[in-house]
Amino acid sequence: MRIHKEGFLVIAVAFLIWLFLNVIVGLTEELYFRAFTLLLTTYILIFVMRFFRYPNRKIKLNPHTVLSPCDGQIVVIEETDEPEYFGDRRLQVSVFMSVYNVHINWIPVPGIISYFKHHSGNFMAAYLPKSSTENERATTVIRMENGTEVLVRQIAGAVAKRIISYPKEGANVNQQNELGFIRFGSRVDLFLPLGTKVNVELCQNVTGSQTILAEL
């Protein structure tokens, strides 16, 4: 199992805690307690390692499709106002990631990063509608070759405490590039032009960099 670079330090700390606890408990003569501690801490260590897993995926580049930016479940498909950048009505498609999903975020469309901004905020549950505007979040806008702009918003959740975004303004990106990483439960919103053909449904499970969310 490959591990994403964002997990190296976290896993190292988790391993040291696992080692320390089991060495300390191992000094006791309580066999059942030692076995319980070993099983519990090993389960937690494996869970942390699995959270930062880095799947090997073949990504097909297509400038006319919007690929899912992450693994998860579709929780929003609706027309809404987008006040931060566009200032008009857009089609919003949102993907909610549980702690069991891969948490790498991918670039959904090829183009140039025309805007980026990180916002501090709350850490309410990421599936709530208000999380899109009130939680800690990072907004990235990609301008495609034909001038179409797609806004991608990474949103922290009740558990997620860190949003990481890689591309800088002015960078050329494609669908094989990583947008970033969100530690633990979170959500990603896409804001597309009205009239965009959507290929997914509410509650559908999607795979990052693989599922075609929409066609432009």
C-alpha atoms as a PDB file:
ATOM      1  CA  MET A   1       0.000   0.000   0.000  1.00  0.00           C
ATOM      2  CA  ARG A   2       1.414   3.352  -1.060  1.00  0.00           C
ATOM      3  CA  ILE A   3       1.233   6.205   1.442  1.00  0.00           C
ATOM      4  CA  HIS A   4       0.616   9.824   0.454  1.00  0.00           C
ATOM      5  CA  LYS A   5       3.321  12.296   1.450  1.00  0.00           C
ATOM      6  CA  GLU A   6       0.884  14.156   3.723  1.00  0.00           C
ATOM      7  CA  GLY A   7       0.711  11.070   5.917  1.00  0.00           C
ATOM      8  CA  PHE A   8       4.436  10.499   6.555  1.00  0.00           C
ATOM      9  CA  LEU A   9       4.701  12.632   9.703  1.00  0.00           C
ATOM     10  CA  VAL A  10       1.276  11.675  11.070  1.00  0.00           C
ATOM     11  CA  ILE A  11       1.978   7.961  10.660  1.00  0.00           C
ATOM     12  CA  ALA A  12       5.443   8.306  12.229  1.00  0.00           C
ATOM     13  CA  VAL A  13       3.920   9.996  15.299  1.00  0.00           C
ATOM     14  CA  ALA A  14       1.142   7.378  15.463  1.00  0.00           C
ATOM     15  CA  PHE A  15       3.723   4.579  15.319  1.00  0.00           C
ATOM     16  CA  LEU A  16       5.776   6.108  18.157  1.00  0.00           C
ATOM     17  CA  ILE A  17       2.635   6.397  20.293  1.00  0.00           C
ATOM     18  CA  TRP A  18       1.732   2.779  19.445  1.00  0.00           C
ATOM     19  CA  LEU A  19       5.239   1.643  20.424  1.00  0.00           C
ATOM     20  CA  PHE A  20       5.325   3.659  23.650  1.00  0.00           C
ATOM     21  CA  LEU A  21       1.932   2.458  24.879  1.00  0.00           C
ATOM     22  CA  ASN A  22       2.637  -1.193  24.151  1.00  0.00           C
ATOM     23  CA  VAL A  23       6.081  -1.084  25.779  1.00  0.00           C
ATOM     24  CA  ILE A  24       4.633   0.523  28.928  1.00  0.00           C
ATOM     25  CA  VAL A  25       1.664  -1.853  29.130  1.00  0.00           C
ATOM     26  CA  GLY A  26       3.983  -4.764  28.318  1.00  0.00           C
ATOM     27  CA  LEU A  27       5.786  -4.158  31.614  1.00  0.00           C
ATOM     28  CA  THR A  28       2.670  -5.169  33.522  1.00  0.00           C
ATOM     29  CA  GLU A  29       1.636  -8.729  34.218  1.00  0.00           C
ATOM     30  CA  GLU A  30      -1.950  -8.208  33.055  1.00  0.00           C
ATOM     31  CA  LEU A  31      -2.054 -10.499  30.032  1.00  0.00           C
ATOM     32  CA  TYR A  32      -5.592  -9.608  28.964  1.00  0.00           C
ATOM     33  CA  PHE A  33      -4.939  -5.875  29.310  1.00  0.00           C
ATOM     34  CA  ARG A  34      -1.749  -6.199  27.257  1.00  0.00           C
ATOM     35  CA  ALA A  35      -3.600  -8.101  24.527  1.00  0.00           C
ATOM     36  CA  PHE A  36      -6.447  -5.571  24.520  1.00  0.00           C
ATOM     37  CA  THR A  37      -4.037  -2.631  24.289  1.00  0.00           C
ATOM     38  CA  LEU A  38      -2.089  -4.279  21.460  1.00  0.00           C
ATOM     39  CA  LEU A  39      -5.233  -5.007  19.448  1.00  0.00           C
ATOM     40  CA  LEU A  40      -6.770  -1.582  19.995  1.00  0.00           C
ATOM     41  CA  THR A  41      -3.641   0.444  19.224  1.00  0.00           C
ATOM     42  CA  THR A  42      -2.819  -1.710  16.201  1.00  0.00           C
ATOM     43  CA  TYR A  43      -6.311  -1.146  14.817  1.00  0.00           C
ATOM     44  CA  ILE A  44      -5.930   2.632  15.250  1.00  0.00           C
ATOM     45  CA  LEU A  45      -2.475   2.573  13.634  1.00  0.00           C
ATOM     46  CA  ILE A  46      -3.786   0.635  10.619  1.00  0.00           C
ATOM     47  CA  PHE A  47      -6.743   3.028  10.347  1.00  0.00           C
ATOM     48  CA  VAL A  48      -4.395   6.039  10.252  1.00  0.00           C
ATOM     49  CA  MET A  49      -2.190   4.369   7.642  1.00  0.00           C
ATOM     50  CA  ARG A  50      -5.197   3.468   5.518  1.00  0.00           C
ATOM     51  CA  PHE A  51      -6.524   7.033   5.686  1.00  0.00           C
ATOM     52  CA  PHE A  52      -3.388   8.278   3.924  1.00  0.00           C
ATOM     53  CA  ARG A  53      -3.391   5.545   1.280  1.00  0.00           C
ATOM     54  CA  TYR A  54      -2.408   6.609  -2.231  1.00  0.00           C
ATOM     55  CA  PRO A  55      -4.267   4.540  -4.855  1.00  0.00           C
ATOM     56  CA  ASN A  56      -2.670   3.837  -8.219  1.00  0.00           C
ATOM     57  CA  ARG A  57      -5.129   5.176 -10.790  1.00  0.00           C
ATOM     58  CA  LYS A  58      -4.924   5.659 -14.541  1.00  0.00           C
ATOM     59  CA  ILE A  59      -6.413   9.055 -15.368  1.00  0.00           C
ATOM     60  CA  LYS A  60      -7.803   9.680 -18.858  1.00  0.00           C
ATOM     61  CA  LEU A  61      -7.343  13.308 -19.900  1.00  0.00           C
ATOM     62  CA  ASN A  62     -10.365  14.886 -21.577  1.00  0.00           C
ATOM     63  CA  PRO A  63     -10.762  18.680 -21.806  1.00  0.00           C
ATOM     64  CA  HIS A  64     -14.533  18.372 -22.231  1.00  0.00           C
ATOM     65  CA  THR A  65     -15.266  16.396 -19.060  1.00  0.00           C
ATOM     66  CA  VAL A  66     -15.330  17.330 -15.379  1.00  0.00           C
ATOM     67  CA  LEU A  67     -13.771  14.533 -13.353  1.00  0.00           C
ATOM     68  CA  SER A  68     -14.667  14.056  -9.716  1.00  0.00           C
ATOM     69  CA  PRO A  69     -12.121  15.931  -7.569  1.00  0.00           C
ATOM     70  CA  CYS A  70     -12.315  13.309  -4.809  1.00  0.00           C
ATOM     71  CA  ASP A  71     -13.783  10.037  -3.597  1.00  0.00           C
ATOM     72  CA  GLY A  72     -17.091  10.247  -1.768  1.00  0.00           C
ATOM     73  CA  GLN A  73     -20.832  10.661  -2.189  1.00  0.00           C
ATOM     74  CA  ILE A  74     -22.773  13.289  -4.158  1.00  0.00           C
ATOM     75  CA  VAL A  75     -24.708  15.392  -1.624  1.00  0.00           C
ATOM     76  CA  VAL A  76     -25.659  18.471  -3.690  1.00  0.00           C
ATOM     77  CA  ILE A  77     -26.737  19.059  -7.296  1.00  0.00           C
ATOM     78  CA  GLU A  78     -28.487  22.415  -7.581  1.00  0.00           C
ATOM     79  CA  GLU A  79     -28.420  25.927  -9.002  1.00  0.00           C
ATOM     80  CA  THR A  80     -27.182  28.438  -6.437  1.00  0.00           C
ATOM     81  CA  ASP A  81     -25.527  31.839  -6.060  1.00  0.00           C
ATOM     82  CA  GLU A  82     -21.728  31.879  -5.907  1.00  0.00           C
ATOM     83  CA  PRO A  83     -20.798  35.254  -4.307  1.00  0.00           C
ATOM     84  CA  GLU A  84     -17.051  34.910  -3.729  1.00  0.00           C
ATOM     85  CA  TYR A  85     -15.761  34.893  -7.306  1.00  0.00           C
ATOM     86  CA  PHE A  86     -18.494  34.717  -9.952  1.00  0.00           C
ATOM     87  CA  GLY A  87     -21.176  36.804  -8.260  1.00  0.00           C
ATOM     88  CA  ASP A  88     -23.939  35.064 -10.201  1.00  0.00           C
ATOM     89  CA  ARG A  89     -25.894  31.806 -10.456  1.00  0.00           C
ATOM     90  CA  ARG A  90     -23.939  28.583 -10.975  1.00  0.00           C
ATOM     91  CA  LEU A  91     -24.580  24.859 -10.957  1.00  0.00           C
ATOM     92  CA  GLN A  92     -23.189  23.408  -7.738  1.00  0.00           C
ATOM     93  CA  VAL A  93     -22.136  19.761  -7.459  1.00  0.00           C
ATOM     94  CA  SER A  94     -20.764  18.699  -4.069  1.00  0.00           C
ATOM     95  CA  VAL A  95     -18.972  15.534  -2.956  1.00  0.00           C
ATOM     96  CA  PHE A  96     -18.866  14.563   0.738  1.00  0.00           C
ATOM     97  CA  MET A  97     -15.891  12.511   1.957  1.00  0.00           C
ATOM     98  CA  SER A  98     -16.184  10.309   5.036  1.00  0.00           C
ATOM     99  CA  VAL A  99     -13.147   9.293   7.074  1.00  0.00           C
ATOM    100  CA  TYR A 100     -13.122   6.005   5.138  1.00  0.00           C
ATOM    101  CA  ASN A 101     -12.601   7.633   1.730  1.00  0.00           C
ATOM    102  CA  VAL A 102      -9.313   8.446   0.025  1.00  0.00           C
ATOM    103  CA  HIS A 103      -8.727  12.128   0.859  1.00  0.00           C
ATOM    104  CA  ILE A 104      -6.555  13.185  -2.049  1.00  0.00           C
ATOM    105  CA  ASN A 105      -8.129  15.966  -4.153  1.00  0.00           C
ATOM    106  CA  TRP A 106      -7.531  16.042  -7.919  1.00  0.00           C
ATOM    107  CA  ILE A 107      -7.828  18.801 -10.519  1.00  0.00           C
ATOM    108  CA  PRO A 108     -11.230  18.257 -12.240  1.00  0.00           C
ATOM    109  CA  VAL A 109     -10.553  20.138 -15.506  1.00  0.00           C
ATOM    110  CA  PRO A 110      -7.415  21.274 -17.374  1.00  0.00           C
ATOM    111  CA  GLY A 111      -6.465  24.948 -17.547  1.00  0.00           C
ATOM    112  CA  ILE A 112      -4.730  27.768 -15.678  1.00  0.00           C
ATOM    113  CA  ILE A 113      -5.231  28.625 -12.007  1.00  0.00           C
ATOM    114  CA  SER A 114      -6.781  32.107 -12.258  1.00  0.00           C
ATOM    115  CA  TYR A 115      -7.732  32.569  -8.571  1.00  0.00           C
ATOM    116  CA  PHE A 116      -6.928  31.081  -5.185  1.00  0.00           C
ATOM    117  CA  LYS A 117      -7.900  32.099  -1.663  1.00  0.00           C
ATOM    118  CA  HIS A 118      -7.878  30.365   1.723  1.00  0.00           C
ATOM    119  CA  HIS A 119     -10.548  31.320   4.261  1.00  0.00           C
ATOM    120  CA  SER A 120     -10.476  30.668   7.999  1.00  0.00           C
ATOM    121  CA  GLY A 121     -13.781  29.569   9.478  1.00  0.00           C
ATOM    122  CA  ASN A 122     -15.770  27.088  11.535  1.00  0.00           C
ATOM    123  CA  PHE A 123     -15.628  23.294  11.597  1.00  0.00           C
ATOM    124  CA  MET A 124     -19.296  22.283  11.442  1.00  0.00           C
ATOM    125  CA  ALA A 125     -20.313  19.030   9.740  1.00  0.00           C
ATOM    126  CA  ALA A 126     -19.231  19.204   6.085  1.00  0.00           C
ATOM    127  CA  TYR A 127     -22.535  17.814   4.737  1.00  0.00           C
ATOM    128  CA  LEU A 128     -24.464  20.872   6.018  1.00  0.00           C
ATOM    129  CA  PRO A 129     -25.239  23.563   3.384  1.00  0.00           C
ATOM    130  CA  LYS A 130     -23.766  26.363   5.556  1.00  0.00           C
ATOM    131  CA  SER A 131     -20.369  24.645   5.578  1.00  0.00           C
ATOM    132  CA  SER A 132     -19.789  25.895   2.011  1.00  0.00           C
ATOM    133  CA  THR A 133     -19.636  29.508   3.204  1.00  0.00           C
ATOM    134  CA  GLU A 134     -18.928  29.342   6.955  1.00  0.00           C
ATOM    135  CA  ASN A 135     -16.359  26.547   7.403  1.00  0.00           C
ATOM    136  CA  GLU A 136     -12.629  26.823   6.838  1.00  0.00           C
ATOM    137  CA  ARG A 137     -12.225  26.476   3.076  1.00  0.00           C
ATOM    138  CA  ALA A 138      -9.952  27.044   0.096  1.00  0.00           C
ATOM    139  CA  THR A 139     -11.264  28.310  -3.244  1.00  0.00           C
ATOM    140  CA  THR A 140      -9.480  27.553  -6.524  1.00  0.00           C
ATOM    141  CA  VAL A 141     -10.679  28.742  -9.932  1.00  0.00           C
ATOM    142  CA  ILE A 142      -9.455  27.053 -13.122  1.00  0.00           C
ATOM    143  CA  ARG A 143      -9.758  28.882 -16.448  1.00  0.00           C
ATOM    144  CA  MET A 144      -9.969  26.406 -19.292  1.00  0.00           C
ATOM    145  CA  GLU A 145      -8.526  26.954 -22.787  1.00  0.00           C
ATOM    146  CA  ASN A 146     -11.921  28.022 -24.167  1.00  0.00           C
ATOM    147  CA  GLY A 147     -12.373  30.615 -21.405  1.00  0.00           C
ATOM    148  CA  THR A 148     -14.785  28.581 -19.264  1.00  0.00           C
ATOM    149  CA  GLU A 149     -14.018  28.867 -15.540  1.00  0.00           C
ATOM    150  CA  VAL A 150     -14.663  26.139 -12.972  1.00  0.00           C
ATOM    151  CA  LEU A 151     -14.519  26.883  -9.247  1.00  0.00           C
ATOM    152  CA  VAL A 152     -13.401  24.147  -6.848  1.00  0.00           C
ATOM    153  CA  ARG A 153     -13.879  24.700  -3.104  1.00  0.00           C
ATOM    154  CA  GLN A 154     -12.206  22.437  -0.528  1.00  0.00           C
ATOM    155  CA  ILE A 155     -14.155  22.537   2.745  1.00  0.00           C
ATOM    156  CA  ALA A 156     -13.080  21.378   6.183  1.00  0.00           C
ATOM    157  CA  GLY A 157     -15.531  19.383   8.287  1.00  0.00           C
ATOM    158  CA  ALA A 158     -16.177  18.698  11.959  1.00  0.00           C
ATOM    159  CA  VAL A 159     -13.102  16.456  12.133  1.00  0.00           C
ATOM    160  CA  ALA A 160     -10.929  17.922   9.360  1.00  0.00           C
ATOM    161  CA  LYS A 161      -8.533  20.535  10.715  1.00  0.00           C
ATOM    162  CA  ARG A 162      -6.233  21.148   7.789  1.00  0.00           C
ATOM    163  CA  ILE A 163      -6.805  21.932   4.123  1.00  0.00           C
ATOM    164  CA  ILE A 164      -3.778  21.632   1.848  1.00  0.00           C
ATOM    165  CA  SER A 165      -3.785  23.120  -1.657  1.00  0.00           C
ATOM    166  CA  TYR A 166      -0.889  22.667  -4.090  1.00  0.00           C
ATOM    167  CA  PRO A 167      -1.315  24.728  -7.317  1.00  0.00           C
ATOM    168  CA  LYS A 168      -0.475  28.441  -7.272  1.00  0.00           C
ATOM    169  CA  GLU A 169      -2.121  31.209  -9.288  1.00  0.00           C
ATOM    170  CA  GLY A 170      -0.882  31.197 -12.871  1.00  0.00           C
ATOM    171  CA  ALA A 171       0.032  27.502 -12.853  1.00  0.00           C
ATOM    172  CA  ASN A 172      -0.925  25.274 -15.783  1.00  0.00           C
ATOM    173  CA  VAL A 173      -2.737  22.162 -14.535  1.00  0.00           C
ATOM    174  CA  ASN A 174      -4.428  19.092 -15.949  1.00  0.00           C
ATOM    175  CA  GLN A 175      -6.603  16.277 -14.621  1.00  0.00           C
ATOM    176  CA  GLN A 176      -3.592  14.190 -13.609  1.00  0.00           C
ATOM    177  CA  ASN A 177      -2.444  16.847 -11.117  1.00  0.00           C
ATOM    178  CA  GLU A 178      -3.375  16.871  -7.441  1.00  0.00           C
ATOM    179  CA  LEU A 179      -5.349  19.828  -6.150  1.00  0.00           C
ATOM    180  CA  GLY A 180      -4.497  19.065  -2.538  1.00  0.00           C
ATOM    181  CA  PHE A 181      -5.418  17.025   0.510  1.00  0.00           C
ATOM    182  CA  ILE A 182      -7.911  17.416   3.376  1.00  0.00           C
ATOM    183  CA  ARG A 183      -7.195  15.609   6.615  1.00  0.00           C
ATOM    184  CA  PHE A 184     -10.180  13.564   7.805  1.00  0.00           C
ATOM    185  CA  GLY A 185     -13.902  14.087   7.012  1.00  0.00           C
ATOM    186  CA  SER A 186     -14.590  16.916   4.568  1.00  0.00           C
ATOM    187  CA  ARG A 187     -16.221  18.034   1.314  1.00  0.00           C
ATOM    188  CA  VAL A 188     -15.442  19.476  -2.123  1.00  0.00           C
ATOM    189  CA  ASP A 189     -17.829  21.795  -4.025  1.00  0.00           C
ATOM    190  CA  LEU A 190     -17.728  22.403  -7.772  1.00  0.00           C
ATOM    191  CA  PHE A 191     -19.370  25.446  -9.348  1.00  0.00           C
ATOM    192  CA  LEU A 192     -20.060  24.969 -13.060  1.00  0.00           C
ATOM    193  CA  PRO A 193     -21.751  27.101 -15.752  1.00  0.00           C
ATOM    194  CA  LEU A 194     -25.549  26.874 -15.855  1.00  0.00           C
ATOM    195  CA  GLY A 195     -26.705  24.358 -18.429  1.00  0.00           C
ATOM    196  CA  THR A 196     -23.770  22.005 -17.842  1.00  0.00           C
ATOM    197  CA  LYS A 197     -24.742  18.375 -18.479  1.00  0.00           C
ATOM    198  CA  VAL A 198     -24.463  16.466 -15.171  1.00  0.00           C
ATOM    199  CA  ASN A 199     -23.765  12.729 -15.332  1.00  0.00           C
ATOM    200  CA  VAL A 200     -24.278  11.838 -11.654  1.00  0.00           C
ATOM    201  CA  GLU A 201     -27.178  11.662  -9.203  1.00  0.00           C
ATOM    202  CA  LEU A 202     -27.694  12.526  -5.556  1.00  0.00           C
ATOM    203  CA  CYS A 203     -26.322   9.921  -3.130  1.00  0.00           C
ATOM    204  CA  GLN A 204     -24.201   8.344  -5.869  1.00  0.00           C
ATOM    205  CA  ASN A 205     -20.738   7.195  -4.819  1.00  0.00           C
ATOM    206  CA  VAL A 206     -17.974   8.623  -6.994  1.00  0.00           C
ATOM    207  CA  THR A 207     -14.256   8.008  -7.427  1.00  0.00           C
ATOM    208  CA  GLY A 208     -11.769  10.841  -7.570  1.00  0.00           C
ATOM    209  CA  SER A 209     -10.079  11.404 -10.963  1.00  0.00           C
ATOM    210  CA  GLN A 210     -12.207   8.585 -12.459  1.00  0.00           C
ATOM    211  CA  THR A 211     -15.921   9.397 -12.344  1.00  0.00           C
ATOM    212  CA  ILE A 212     -17.150  11.886 -14.956  1.00  0.00           C
ATOM    213  CA  LEU A 213     -19.351  14.318 -12.994  1.00  0.00           C
ATOM    214  CA  ALA A 214     -20.300  16.505 -15.934  1.00  0.00           C
ATOM    215  CA  GLU A 215     -19.614  17.376 -19.559  1.00  0.00           C
ATOM    216  CA  LEU A 216     -18.775  20.890 -20.750  1.00  0.00           C
END
